[in-house]
Amino acid sequence: MDYHRAKEILESPREHDVYFQGKRIWIQNVDNENKTAQIFPATDPNEEMTVPVTDLMEDHA
């Protein structure tokens, strides 16, 4: 995924299926300068991490 798509998903009012390493996640913030996203697993909002946006995958099903 690229930065712009991650930002669109973050700002979208609808739910998107986004995955990191096979696990469904929520995007909490995106950093344009570093091209990273602050995310957390859909199953554990306390497990925040910062990852490259290029490591995020969107399911278009």
N, C-alpha and C. Protein backbone atom coordinates (compact mmCIF):
# COMPACT_ATOMS: atom_id res chain seq x y z
N MET A 1 0.85 -1.16 0.00
CA MET A 1 0.00 0.00 0.00
C MET A 1 0.91 1.23 0.00
N ASP A 2 0.43 2.30 -0.59
CA ASP A 2 1.22 3.53 -0.54
C ASP A 2 0.64 4.50 0.50
N TYR A 3 1.39 5.55 0.79
CA TYR A 3 1.00 6.52 1.82
C TYR A 3 -0.37 7.11 1.55
N HIS A 4 -0.63 7.49 0.31
CA HIS A 4 -1.88 8.18 -0.01
C HIS A 4 -3.09 7.28 0.23
N ARG A 5 -2.98 6.00 -0.12
CA ARG A 5 -4.08 5.07 0.12
C ARG A 5 -4.28 4.85 1.61
N ALA A 6 -3.21 4.73 2.36
CA ALA A 6 -3.33 4.57 3.81
C ALA A 6 -4.04 5.79 4.41
N LYS A 7 -3.71 6.97 3.94
CA LYS A 7 -4.34 8.20 4.43
C LYS A 7 -5.82 8.22 4.07
N GLU A 8 -6.17 7.80 2.84
CA GLU A 8 -7.57 7.72 2.43
C GLU A 8 -8.36 6.79 3.34
N ILE A 9 -7.79 5.64 3.62
CA ILE A 9 -8.46 4.66 4.48
C ILE A 9 -8.64 5.22 5.89
N LEU A 10 -7.62 5.87 6.41
CA LEU A 10 -7.70 6.46 7.74
C LEU A 10 -8.82 7.49 7.82
N GLU A 11 -8.98 8.29 6.79
CA GLU A 11 -9.97 9.37 6.79
C GLU A 11 -11.35 8.93 6.31
N SER A 12 -11.47 7.72 5.84
CA SER A 12 -12.74 7.23 5.31
C SER A 12 -13.72 6.91 6.44
N PRO A 13 -15.00 7.23 6.24
CA PRO A 13 -16.00 6.90 7.26
C PRO A 13 -16.39 5.42 7.22
N ARG A 14 -16.05 4.73 6.13
CA ARG A 14 -16.43 3.31 6.05
C ARG A 14 -15.27 2.41 6.46
N GLU A 15 -15.61 1.18 6.78
CA GLU A 15 -14.62 0.20 7.23
C GLU A 15 -13.91 -0.43 6.03
N HIS A 16 -12.61 -0.62 6.17
CA HIS A 16 -11.80 -1.26 5.13
C HIS A 16 -11.08 -2.46 5.74
N ASP A 17 -10.91 -3.49 4.94
CA ASP A 17 -10.17 -4.67 5.39
C ASP A 17 -8.70 -4.48 5.06
N VAL A 18 -7.91 -4.14 6.08
CA VAL A 18 -6.48 -3.90 5.92
C VAL A 18 -5.74 -4.89 6.80
N TYR A 19 -4.63 -5.42 6.27
CA TYR A 19 -3.88 -6.48 6.95
C TYR A 19 -2.40 -6.14 7.04
N PHE A 20 -1.80 -6.59 8.14
CA PHE A 20 -0.36 -6.52 8.34
C PHE A 20 0.08 -7.90 8.77
N GLN A 21 0.97 -8.50 8.00
CA GLN A 21 1.47 -9.85 8.27
C GLN A 21 0.33 -10.84 8.49
N GLY A 22 -0.70 -10.73 7.66
CA GLY A 22 -1.82 -11.66 7.70
C GLY A 22 -2.87 -11.40 8.75
N LYS A 23 -2.66 -10.39 9.58
CA LYS A 23 -3.62 -10.07 10.64
C LYS A 23 -4.36 -8.78 10.30
N ARG A 24 -5.67 -8.79 10.54
CA ARG A 24 -6.47 -7.60 10.28
C ARG A 24 -6.10 -6.52 11.28
N ILE A 25 -5.95 -5.30 10.76
CA ILE A 25 -5.51 -4.19 11.61
C ILE A 25 -6.37 -2.95 11.37
N TRP A 26 -6.22 -2.00 12.27
CA TRP A 26 -6.79 -0.67 12.13
C TRP A 26 -5.63 0.32 12.03
N ILE A 27 -5.78 1.28 11.15
CA ILE A 27 -4.78 2.35 11.03
C ILE A 27 -5.17 3.46 11.97
N GLN A 28 -4.24 3.86 12.82
CA GLN A 28 -4.51 4.91 13.79
C GLN A 28 -3.96 6.26 13.31
N ASN A 29 -2.84 6.22 12.59
CA ASN A 29 -2.21 7.45 12.11
C ASN A 29 -1.26 7.09 10.99
N VAL A 30 -0.98 8.05 10.11
CA VAL A 30 0.03 7.86 9.07
C VAL A 30 0.99 9.03 9.09
N ASP A 31 2.26 8.75 8.83
CA ASP A 31 3.32 9.75 8.86
C ASP A 31 3.90 9.88 7.46
N ASN A 32 3.60 11.01 6.81
CA ASN A 32 4.05 11.23 5.44
C ASN A 32 5.57 11.31 5.34
N GLU A 33 6.19 11.96 6.29
CA GLU A 33 7.65 12.14 6.24
C GLU A 33 8.39 10.81 6.28
N ASN A 34 7.95 9.92 7.17
CA ASN A 34 8.63 8.63 7.32
C ASN A 34 7.96 7.50 6.54
N LYS A 35 6.79 7.78 5.93
CA LYS A 35 6.02 6.77 5.18
C LYS A 35 5.72 5.55 6.06
N THR A 36 5.27 5.85 7.27
CA THR A 36 4.92 4.79 8.22
C THR A 36 3.46 4.97 8.66
N ALA A 37 2.93 3.92 9.26
CA ALA A 37 1.58 3.96 9.81
C ALA A 37 1.62 3.44 11.23
N GLN A 38 0.88 4.09 12.10
CA GLN A 38 0.70 3.58 13.45
C GLN A 38 -0.55 2.73 13.39
N ILE A 39 -0.43 1.47 13.75
CA ILE A 39 -1.53 0.51 13.62
C ILE A 39 -1.73 -0.27 14.90
N PHE A 40 -2.84 -0.99 14.97
CA PHE A 40 -3.05 -1.97 16.02
C PHE A 40 -3.92 -3.08 15.48
N PRO A 41 -3.72 -4.31 15.97
CA PRO A 41 -4.54 -5.43 15.52
C PRO A 41 -6.01 -5.20 15.88
N ALA A 42 -6.90 -5.63 15.00
CA ALA A 42 -8.33 -5.48 15.25
C ALA A 42 -8.74 -6.20 16.54
N THR A 43 -8.00 -7.22 16.92
CA THR A 43 -8.33 -8.00 18.12
C THR A 43 -7.70 -7.47 19.40
N ASP A 44 -6.74 -6.52 19.29
CA ASP A 44 -6.06 -6.03 20.48
C ASP A 44 -5.62 -4.57 20.30
N PRO A 45 -6.51 -3.61 20.63
CA PRO A 45 -6.18 -2.20 20.44
C PRO A 45 -5.02 -1.69 21.31
N ASN A 46 -4.59 -2.49 22.28
CA ASN A 46 -3.47 -2.07 23.12
C ASN A 46 -2.11 -2.43 22.53
N GLU A 47 -2.11 -3.17 21.44
CA GLU A 47 -0.86 -3.63 20.82
C GLU A 47 -0.48 -2.73 19.65
N GLU A 48 -0.22 -1.46 19.92
CA GLU A 48 0.13 -0.50 18.88
C GLU A 48 1.54 -0.75 18.36
N MET A 49 1.72 -0.49 17.07
CA MET A 49 3.06 -0.58 16.48
C MET A 49 3.14 0.38 15.30
N THR A 50 4.35 0.74 14.93
CA THR A 50 4.59 1.59 13.78
C THR A 50 5.29 0.76 12.73
N VAL A 51 4.72 0.76 11.51
CA VAL A 51 5.23 -0.07 10.43
C VAL A 51 5.28 0.73 9.14
N PRO A 52 6.09 0.33 8.17
CA PRO A 52 6.08 0.98 6.86
C PRO A 52 4.73 0.78 6.18
N VAL A 53 4.18 1.82 5.57
CA VAL A 53 2.88 1.67 4.90
C VAL A 53 2.96 0.65 3.77
N THR A 54 4.13 0.44 3.21
CA THR A 54 4.28 -0.52 2.13
C THR A 54 4.07 -1.96 2.61
N ASP A 55 4.09 -2.18 3.93
CA ASP A 55 3.86 -3.51 4.48
C ASP A 55 2.37 -3.80 4.72
N LEU A 56 1.51 -2.80 4.48
CA LEU A 56 0.07 -2.98 4.67
C LEU A 56 -0.57 -3.46 3.38
N MET A 57 -1.54 -4.37 3.53
CA MET A 57 -2.26 -4.93 2.38
C MET A 57 -3.75 -4.68 2.57
N GLU A 58 -4.42 -4.31 1.48
CA GLU A 58 -5.86 -4.11 1.52
C GLU A 58 -6.54 -5.25 0.78
N ASP A 59 -7.60 -5.78 1.39
CA ASP A 59 -8.39 -6.84 0.76
C ASP A 59 -9.53 -6.16 0.01
N HIS A 60 -9.55 -6.35 -1.29
CA HIS A 60 -10.56 -5.69 -2.13
C HIS A 60 -11.75 -6.59 -2.43
N ALA A 61 -11.93 -7.63 -1.67
CA ALA A 61 -13.02 -8.58 -1.95
C ALA A 61 -14.38 -7.97 -1.79
